[in-house]
Amino acid sequence: MTPVKLKWYGHAAFRITSETGVSIITDPYTPEGVGYPPIREGADLVIVSSETDEAHSRHDLIPGQHTTVNALHVAQQGGQCVALGVPIRAIQAMEIITHPEHEPDQNGMYRFEVDGIQIAHMGDVGNPLTDDQTAFFNDVDVLLALAGDVFTIALDELKRVIDATRPRIVVPMHFRTLTYKPRNTRWIESFLSYFDDSQVDFAFGYEVTLHKANLPEPTRVLVMDYVR
């Protein structure tokens, strides 16, 4: 069986490719705003957590024709949909209430299934999760987790959610790197300090393959590089 491929472009943008070749891009960004290169690959499906946050919504910058799903709209209209055969669920969230730069942006946290692997994306949530929001991440195989602490979910709260929902793999995103233009997020070491070294793996690259049968248990953290 061909594995699922997971690629990190930087910030909150990933590309997931299924066994059959269906490709999904999450939360594409504005390159000039975040400092990561333009996303030069197309996709069949683009999922965004917001339509107003330019760091999470730029489906228009993805090359070629694609179907776009706004997770916030899905959350507001029943909480689930199917796009190109991919089942998607979403729940409403909000940026940090005390955002110093603008009114907090409404967005959607979302999850979808690819080749039997449940993948969840935390959108741009900035506040402690409610019981319903926490339960939304139950039975997730891969959690794409906001690990920058500042302006997004606090690391103490993120660790609580991880411990409560026990995803098989946690892939950190949205943290400070040498490329990332904003300087208001923490380096990856702040997030990793919540785990023993024995729980952390390093991809040493921007793409990994995932096999449903080989997903670890208990939870492991997988640190990826970003596309140059």
C-alpha atoms as a PDB file:
ATOM      1  CA  MET A   1       0.000   0.000   0.000  1.00  0.00           C
ATOM      2  CA  THR A   2       1.305   3.449  -0.929  1.00  0.00           C
ATOM      3  CA  PRO A   3       1.800   5.613   2.188  1.00  0.00           C
ATOM      4  CA  VAL A   4       0.192   8.964   2.858  1.00  0.00           C
ATOM      5  CA  LYS A   5       2.667  11.802   2.311  1.00  0.00           C
ATOM      6  CA  LEU A   6       2.829  14.811   4.633  1.00  0.00           C
ATOM      7  CA  LYS A   7       4.799  17.924   3.640  1.00  0.00           C
ATOM      8  CA  TRP A   8       5.267  21.117   5.657  1.00  0.00           C
ATOM      9  CA  TYR A   9       5.593  24.419   3.793  1.00  0.00           C
ATOM     10  CA  GLY A  10       5.926  26.471   6.978  1.00  0.00           C
ATOM     11  CA  HIS A  11       3.571  28.310   9.343  1.00  0.00           C
ATOM     12  CA  ALA A  12       0.278  26.342   9.287  1.00  0.00           C
ATOM     13  CA  ALA A  13       0.469  25.133   5.679  1.00  0.00           C
ATOM     14  CA  PHE A  14       0.842  21.428   4.896  1.00  0.00           C
ATOM     15  CA  ARG A  15       0.301  19.242   1.863  1.00  0.00           C
ATOM     16  CA  ILE A  16      -1.186  15.784   2.353  1.00  0.00           C
ATOM     17  CA  THR A  17      -1.224  13.311  -0.541  1.00  0.00           C
ATOM     18  CA  SER A  18      -3.330  10.166  -0.402  1.00  0.00           C
ATOM     19  CA  GLU A  19      -2.584   6.706  -1.762  1.00  0.00           C
ATOM     20  CA  THR A  20      -4.670   7.506  -4.839  1.00  0.00           C
ATOM     21  CA  GLY A  21      -2.882  10.814  -5.424  1.00  0.00           C
ATOM     22  CA  VAL A  22      -5.557  13.176  -4.088  1.00  0.00           C
ATOM     23  CA  SER A  23      -3.731  16.182  -2.621  1.00  0.00           C
ATOM     24  CA  ILE A  24      -4.861  18.523   0.165  1.00  0.00           C
ATOM     25  CA  ILE A  25      -3.236  21.800   1.221  1.00  0.00           C
ATOM     26  CA  THR A  26      -4.067  23.355   4.590  1.00  0.00           C
ATOM     27  CA  ASP A  27      -4.088  27.040   5.572  1.00  0.00           C
ATOM     28  CA  PRO A  28      -1.941  28.558   2.804  1.00  0.00           C
ATOM     29  CA  TYR A  29      -0.248  31.825   3.769  1.00  0.00           C
ATOM     30  CA  THR A  30       0.826  35.131   2.234  1.00  0.00           C
ATOM     31  CA  PRO A  31       4.575  34.638   1.617  1.00  0.00           C
ATOM     32  CA  GLU A  32       5.515  38.288   2.200  1.00  0.00           C
ATOM     33  CA  GLY A  33       3.741  38.273   5.550  1.00  0.00           C
ATOM     34  CA  VAL A  34       5.182  35.111   7.081  1.00  0.00           C
ATOM     35  CA  GLY A  35       8.552  34.917   5.341  1.00  0.00           C
ATOM     36  CA  TYR A  36       8.196  31.431   3.861  1.00  0.00           C
ATOM     37  CA  PRO A  37       8.503  30.852   0.095  1.00  0.00           C
ATOM     38  CA  PRO A  38       5.433  30.806  -2.140  1.00  0.00           C
ATOM     39  CA  ILE A  39       3.677  27.456  -2.363  1.00  0.00           C
ATOM     40  CA  ARG A  40       4.430  26.366  -5.910  1.00  0.00           C
ATOM     41  CA  GLU A  41       2.510  23.079  -5.990  1.00  0.00           C
ATOM     42  CA  GLY A  42      -1.131  22.746  -6.822  1.00  0.00           C
ATOM     43  CA  ALA A  43      -3.676  20.662  -4.977  1.00  0.00           C
ATOM     44  CA  ASP A  44      -7.036  19.047  -5.544  1.00  0.00           C
ATOM     45  CA  LEU A  45      -8.468  20.404  -2.294  1.00  0.00           C
ATOM     46  CA  VAL A  46      -7.498  23.440  -0.189  1.00  0.00           C
ATOM     47  CA  ILE A  47      -8.857  23.795   3.352  1.00  0.00           C
ATOM     48  CA  VAL A  48      -8.602  27.150   5.123  1.00  0.00           C
ATOM     49  CA  SER A  49      -9.419  27.926   8.748  1.00  0.00           C
ATOM     50  CA  SER A  50     -10.414  31.515   7.971  1.00  0.00           C
ATOM     51  CA  GLU A  51     -11.216  33.669   4.965  1.00  0.00           C
ATOM     52  CA  THR A  52      -9.904  36.887   6.511  1.00  0.00           C
ATOM     53  CA  ASP A  53      -6.511  35.988   8.045  1.00  0.00           C
ATOM     54  CA  GLU A  54      -3.890  36.299   5.317  1.00  0.00           C
ATOM     55  CA  ALA A  55      -1.597  33.876   7.135  1.00  0.00           C
ATOM     56  CA  HIS A  56      -4.224  31.120   6.992  1.00  0.00           C
ATOM     57  CA  SER A  57      -6.547  31.807   4.049  1.00  0.00           C
ATOM     58  CA  ARG A  58      -4.690  32.322   0.758  1.00  0.00           C
ATOM     59  CA  HIS A  59      -6.232  29.582  -1.339  1.00  0.00           C
ATOM     60  CA  ASP A  60      -6.084  32.055  -4.231  1.00  0.00           C
ATOM     61  CA  LEU A  61      -2.277  31.744  -4.261  1.00  0.00           C
ATOM     62  CA  ILE A  62      -2.332  27.972  -4.827  1.00  0.00           C
ATOM     63  CA  PRO A  63      -1.568  27.244  -8.498  1.00  0.00           C
ATOM     64  CA  GLY A  64      -4.142  25.658 -10.762  1.00  0.00           C
ATOM     65  CA  GLN A  65      -7.753  24.671 -10.268  1.00  0.00           C
ATOM     66  CA  HIS A  66      -8.854  23.305  -6.902  1.00  0.00           C
ATOM     67  CA  THR A  67     -11.822  22.957  -4.593  1.00  0.00           C
ATOM     68  CA  THR A  68     -11.700  25.216  -1.534  1.00  0.00           C
ATOM     69  CA  VAL A  69     -13.359  24.491   1.807  1.00  0.00           C
ATOM     70  CA  ASN A  70     -13.600  27.120   4.547  1.00  0.00           C
ATOM     71  CA  ALA A  71     -13.533  25.281   7.866  1.00  0.00           C
ATOM     72  CA  LEU A  72     -15.258  28.145   9.672  1.00  0.00           C
ATOM     73  CA  HIS A  73     -18.188  27.929   7.258  1.00  0.00           C
ATOM     74  CA  VAL A  74     -18.345  24.158   7.766  1.00  0.00           C
ATOM     75  CA  ALA A  75     -18.402  24.645  11.535  1.00  0.00           C
ATOM     76  CA  GLN A  76     -21.201  27.201  11.217  1.00  0.00           C
ATOM     77  CA  GLN A  77     -23.261  25.045   8.868  1.00  0.00           C
ATOM     78  CA  GLY A  78     -23.584  21.734  10.649  1.00  0.00           C
ATOM     79  CA  GLY A  79     -19.963  20.856  11.384  1.00  0.00           C
ATOM     80  CA  GLN A  80     -19.247  18.405   8.574  1.00  0.00           C
ATOM     81  CA  CYS A  81     -19.069  18.014   4.830  1.00  0.00           C
ATOM     82  CA  VAL A  82     -17.514  15.833   2.131  1.00  0.00           C
ATOM     83  CA  ALA A  83     -15.281  17.389  -0.544  1.00  0.00           C
ATOM     84  CA  LEU A  84     -13.798  15.294  -3.372  1.00  0.00           C
ATOM     85  CA  GLY A  85     -14.595  12.209  -1.327  1.00  0.00           C
ATOM     86  CA  VAL A  86     -12.723  13.531   1.736  1.00  0.00           C
ATOM     87  CA  PRO A  87     -14.858  13.686   4.911  1.00  0.00           C
ATOM     88  CA  ILE A  88     -14.211  16.934   6.797  1.00  0.00           C
ATOM     89  CA  ARG A  89     -15.382  17.991  10.249  1.00  0.00           C
ATOM     90  CA  ALA A  90     -14.918  21.427  11.825  1.00  0.00           C
ATOM     91  CA  ILE A  91     -15.595  23.322  15.039  1.00  0.00           C
ATOM     92  CA  GLN A  92     -15.535  27.055  15.655  1.00  0.00           C
ATOM     93  CA  ALA A  93     -12.574  28.737  17.344  1.00  0.00           C
ATOM     94  CA  MET A  94     -11.195  32.239  17.850  1.00  0.00           C
ATOM     95  CA  GLU A  95      -7.844  33.959  17.942  1.00  0.00           C
ATOM     96  CA  ILE A  96      -6.583  35.101  21.329  1.00  0.00           C
ATOM     97  CA  ILE A  97      -9.235  37.383  22.853  1.00  0.00           C
ATOM     98  CA  THR A  98      -6.606  39.940  23.909  1.00  0.00           C
ATOM     99  CA  HIS A  99      -5.020  40.189  20.454  1.00  0.00           C
ATOM    100  CA  PRO A 100      -2.986  43.436  20.501  1.00  0.00           C
ATOM    101  CA  GLU A 101      -3.121  44.138  16.755  1.00  0.00           C
ATOM    102  CA  HIS A 102      -6.773  43.705  15.754  1.00  0.00           C
ATOM    103  CA  GLU A 103     -10.107  42.252  16.787  1.00  0.00           C
ATOM    104  CA  PRO A 104      -9.761  38.481  17.283  1.00  0.00           C
ATOM    105  CA  ASP A 105     -10.479  36.563  14.098  1.00  0.00           C
ATOM    106  CA  GLN A 106     -13.068  33.806  14.041  1.00  0.00           C
ATOM    107  CA  ASN A 107     -11.706  30.605  12.513  1.00  0.00           C
ATOM    108  CA  GLY A 108     -12.309  26.891  12.368  1.00  0.00           C
ATOM    109  CA  MET A 109     -10.351  23.947  13.699  1.00  0.00           C
ATOM    110  CA  TYR A 110     -10.807  20.977  11.408  1.00  0.00           C
ATOM    111  CA  ARG A 111     -10.087  17.323  10.836  1.00  0.00           C
ATOM    112  CA  PHE A 112     -10.292  15.011   7.841  1.00  0.00           C
ATOM    113  CA  GLU A 113      -9.587  11.418   6.923  1.00  0.00           C
ATOM    114  CA  VAL A 114      -7.101  10.260   4.295  1.00  0.00           C
ATOM    115  CA  ASP A 115      -6.610   6.527   3.673  1.00  0.00           C
ATOM    116  CA  GLY A 116      -7.927   5.704   7.134  1.00  0.00           C
ATOM    117  CA  ILE A 117      -5.648   8.231   8.867  1.00  0.00           C
ATOM    118  CA  GLN A 118      -7.418  10.925  10.880  1.00  0.00           C
ATOM    119  CA  ILE A 119      -5.574  14.244  10.558  1.00  0.00           C
ATOM    120  CA  ALA A 120      -6.533  17.325  12.606  1.00  0.00           C
ATOM    121  CA  HIS A 121      -5.490  20.958  12.172  1.00  0.00           C
ATOM    122  CA  MET A 122      -5.833  23.461  15.034  1.00  0.00           C
ATOM    123  CA  GLY A 123      -6.537  26.448  12.779  1.00  0.00           C
ATOM    124  CA  ASP A 124      -5.530  29.599  14.647  1.00  0.00           C
ATOM    125  CA  VAL A 125      -7.113  29.049  18.057  1.00  0.00           C
ATOM    126  CA  GLY A 126      -5.731  31.349  20.749  1.00  0.00           C
ATOM    127  CA  ASN A 127      -7.719  30.501  23.866  1.00  0.00           C
ATOM    128  CA  PRO A 128      -8.231  27.565  26.249  1.00  0.00           C
ATOM    129  CA  LEU A 129     -10.345  24.898  24.605  1.00  0.00           C
ATOM    130  CA  THR A 130     -13.827  24.132  25.846  1.00  0.00           C
ATOM    131  CA  ASP A 131     -14.829  20.555  26.649  1.00  0.00           C
ATOM    132  CA  ASP A 132     -16.457  20.251  23.218  1.00  0.00           C
ATOM    133  CA  GLN A 133     -13.390  21.648  21.455  1.00  0.00           C
ATOM    134  CA  THR A 134     -11.114  19.264  23.341  1.00  0.00           C
ATOM    135  CA  ALA A 135     -13.342  16.286  22.552  1.00  0.00           C
ATOM    136  CA  PHE A 136     -13.227  17.281  18.885  1.00  0.00           C
ATOM    137  CA  PHE A 137      -9.652  15.916  18.796  1.00  0.00           C
ATOM    138  CA  ASN A 138     -10.477  12.502  20.249  1.00  0.00           C
ATOM    139  CA  ASP A 139      -9.327   9.552  18.109  1.00  0.00           C
ATOM    140  CA  VAL A 140      -7.012  11.717  15.977  1.00  0.00           C
ATOM    141  CA  ASP A 141      -3.988   9.977  14.477  1.00  0.00           C
ATOM    142  CA  VAL A 142      -2.019  13.083  13.462  1.00  0.00           C
ATOM    143  CA  LEU A 143      -2.437  16.433  15.228  1.00  0.00           C
ATOM    144  CA  LEU A 144      -1.030  19.490  13.449  1.00  0.00           C
ATOM    145  CA  ALA A 145      -0.456  21.521  16.598  1.00  0.00           C
ATOM    146  CA  LEU A 146       0.033  25.249  17.183  1.00  0.00           C
ATOM    147  CA  ALA A 147       3.353  25.287  19.032  1.00  0.00           C
ATOM    148  CA  GLY A 148       4.335  28.976  19.052  1.00  0.00           C
ATOM    149  CA  ASP A 149       2.597  29.849  22.351  1.00  0.00           C
ATOM    150  CA  VAL A 150       2.294  33.612  21.738  1.00  0.00           C
ATOM    151  CA  PHE A 151      -1.004  34.720  20.081  1.00  0.00           C
ATOM    152  CA  THR A 152      -2.054  31.064  19.764  1.00  0.00           C
ATOM    153  CA  ILE A 153      -3.012  28.428  22.328  1.00  0.00           C
ATOM    154  CA  ALA A 154      -0.756  28.519  25.404  1.00  0.00           C
ATOM    155  CA  LEU A 155       1.687  25.617  25.612  1.00  0.00           C
ATOM    156  CA  ASP A 156       0.372  24.487  29.008  1.00  0.00           C
ATOM    157  CA  GLU A 157      -3.099  24.258  27.494  1.00  0.00           C
ATOM    158  CA  LEU A 158      -1.817  22.532  24.353  1.00  0.00           C
ATOM    159  CA  LYS A 159      -0.123  19.875  26.466  1.00  0.00           C
ATOM    160  CA  ARG A 160      -3.377  19.368  28.381  1.00  0.00           C
ATOM    161  CA  VAL A 161      -5.235  18.808  25.101  1.00  0.00           C
ATOM    162  CA  ILE A 162      -2.579  16.369  23.877  1.00  0.00           C
ATOM    163  CA  ASP A 163      -2.674  14.413  27.134  1.00  0.00           C
ATOM    164  CA  ALA A 164      -6.494  14.327  27.084  1.00  0.00           C
ATOM    165  CA  THR A 165      -6.889  13.214  23.455  1.00  0.00           C
ATOM    166  CA  ARG A 166      -3.693  11.181  22.931  1.00  0.00           C
ATOM    167  CA  PRO A 167      -3.041  11.590  19.197  1.00  0.00           C
ATOM    168  CA  ARG A 168      -0.612   9.067  17.760  1.00  0.00           C
ATOM    169  CA  ILE A 169       1.651  11.762  16.264  1.00  0.00           C
ATOM    170  CA  VAL A 170       1.889  15.470  17.079  1.00  0.00           C
ATOM    171  CA  VAL A 171       3.462  17.627  14.362  1.00  0.00           C
ATOM    172  CA  PRO A 172       4.261  21.133  15.666  1.00  0.00           C
ATOM    173  CA  MET A 173       3.601  24.152  13.445  1.00  0.00           C
ATOM    174  CA  HIS A 174       3.291  27.936  13.716  1.00  0.00           C
ATOM    175  CA  PHE A 175       6.484  28.331  15.787  1.00  0.00           C
ATOM    176  CA  ARG A 176       9.441  30.645  15.295  1.00  0.00           C
ATOM    177  CA  THR A 177      12.117  29.668  12.779  1.00  0.00           C
ATOM    178  CA  LEU A 178      15.023  31.494  11.161  1.00  0.00           C
ATOM    179  CA  THR A 179      12.770  32.137   8.159  1.00  0.00           C
ATOM    180  CA  TYR A 180       9.536  33.054   9.934  1.00  0.00           C
ATOM    181  CA  LYS A 181       9.122  36.800   9.596  1.00  0.00           C
ATOM    182  CA  PRO A 182       7.059  37.650  12.714  1.00  0.00           C
ATOM    183  CA  ARG A 183       9.168  37.509  15.858  1.00  0.00           C
ATOM    184  CA  ASN A 184       6.298  37.071  18.290  1.00  0.00           C
ATOM    185  CA  THR A 185       6.329  33.276  18.596  1.00  0.00           C
ATOM    186  CA  ARG A 186       8.580  30.917  20.537  1.00  0.00           C
ATOM    187  CA  TRP A 187      11.258  28.608  19.181  1.00  0.00           C
ATOM    188  CA  ILE A 188      10.464  24.887  19.010  1.00  0.00           C
ATOM    189  CA  GLU A 189      12.471  24.158  22.172  1.00  0.00           C
ATOM    190  CA  SER A 190       9.720  25.739  24.299  1.00  0.00           C
ATOM    191  CA  PHE A 191       7.203  23.167  23.072  1.00  0.00           C
ATOM    192  CA  LEU A 192       9.649  20.256  23.210  1.00  0.00           C
ATOM    193  CA  SER A 193      10.433  21.013  26.858  1.00  0.00           C
ATOM    194  CA  TYR A 194       7.055  19.462  27.713  1.00  0.00           C
ATOM    195  CA  PHE A 195       8.249  16.052  26.468  1.00  0.00           C
ATOM    196  CA  ASP A 196      11.041  13.639  27.281  1.00  0.00           C
ATOM    197  CA  ASP A 197      13.713  13.411  24.596  1.00  0.00           C
ATOM    198  CA  SER A 198      12.677   9.792  24.104  1.00  0.00           C
ATOM    199  CA  GLN A 199       9.225  10.976  22.919  1.00  0.00           C
ATOM    200  CA  VAL A 200      10.535  13.242  20.149  1.00  0.00           C
ATOM    201  CA  ASP A 201      11.523  12.339  16.592  1.00  0.00           C
ATOM    202  CA  PHE A 202      13.110  14.627  13.984  1.00  0.00           C
ATOM    203  CA  ALA A 203      12.239  14.216  10.322  1.00  0.00           C
ATOM    204  CA  PHE A 204      15.402  16.032   9.095  1.00  0.00           C
ATOM    205  CA  GLY A 205      13.348  17.028   6.071  1.00  0.00           C
ATOM    206  CA  TYR A 206      10.093  18.654   5.016  1.00  0.00           C
ATOM    207  CA  GLU A 207       8.247  15.508   3.918  1.00  0.00           C
ATOM    208  CA  VAL A 208       7.410  12.267   5.700  1.00  0.00           C
ATOM    209  CA  THR A 209       5.366   9.186   4.870  1.00  0.00           C
ATOM    210  CA  LEU A 210       2.654   7.818   7.131  1.00  0.00           C
ATOM    211  CA  HIS A 211       1.365   4.252   7.285  1.00  0.00           C
ATOM    212  CA  LYS A 212      -1.823   3.621   9.252  1.00  0.00           C
ATOM    213  CA  ALA A 213      -0.519   0.277  10.472  1.00  0.00           C
ATOM    214  CA  ASN A 214       2.742   1.779  11.728  1.00  0.00           C
ATOM    215  CA  LEU A 215       1.494   4.807  13.626  1.00  0.00           C
ATOM    216  CA  PRO A 216       3.086   4.906  17.092  1.00  0.00           C
ATOM    217  CA  GLU A 217       1.393   4.502  20.440  1.00  0.00           C
ATOM    218  CA  PRO A 218       1.646   6.225  22.873  1.00  0.00           C
ATOM    219  CA  THR A 219       1.956   9.754  21.494  1.00  0.00           C
ATOM    220  CA  ARG A 220       5.153  10.843  19.781  1.00  0.00           C
ATOM    221  CA  VAL A 221       6.181  14.303  18.587  1.00  0.00           C
ATOM    222  CA  LEU A 222       7.517  14.601  15.037  1.00  0.00           C
ATOM    223  CA  VAL A 223       9.464  17.792  14.265  1.00  0.00           C
ATOM    224  CA  MET A 224       9.579  18.577  10.550  1.00  0.00           C
ATOM    225  CA  ASP A 225      11.655  20.995   8.516  1.00  0.00           C
ATOM    226  CA  TYR A 226       9.922  23.399   6.112  1.00  0.00           C
ATOM    227  CA  VAL A 227      10.189  23.620   2.329  1.00  0.00           C
ATOM    228  CA  ARG A 228      12.999  25.901   1.232  1.00  0.00           C
END
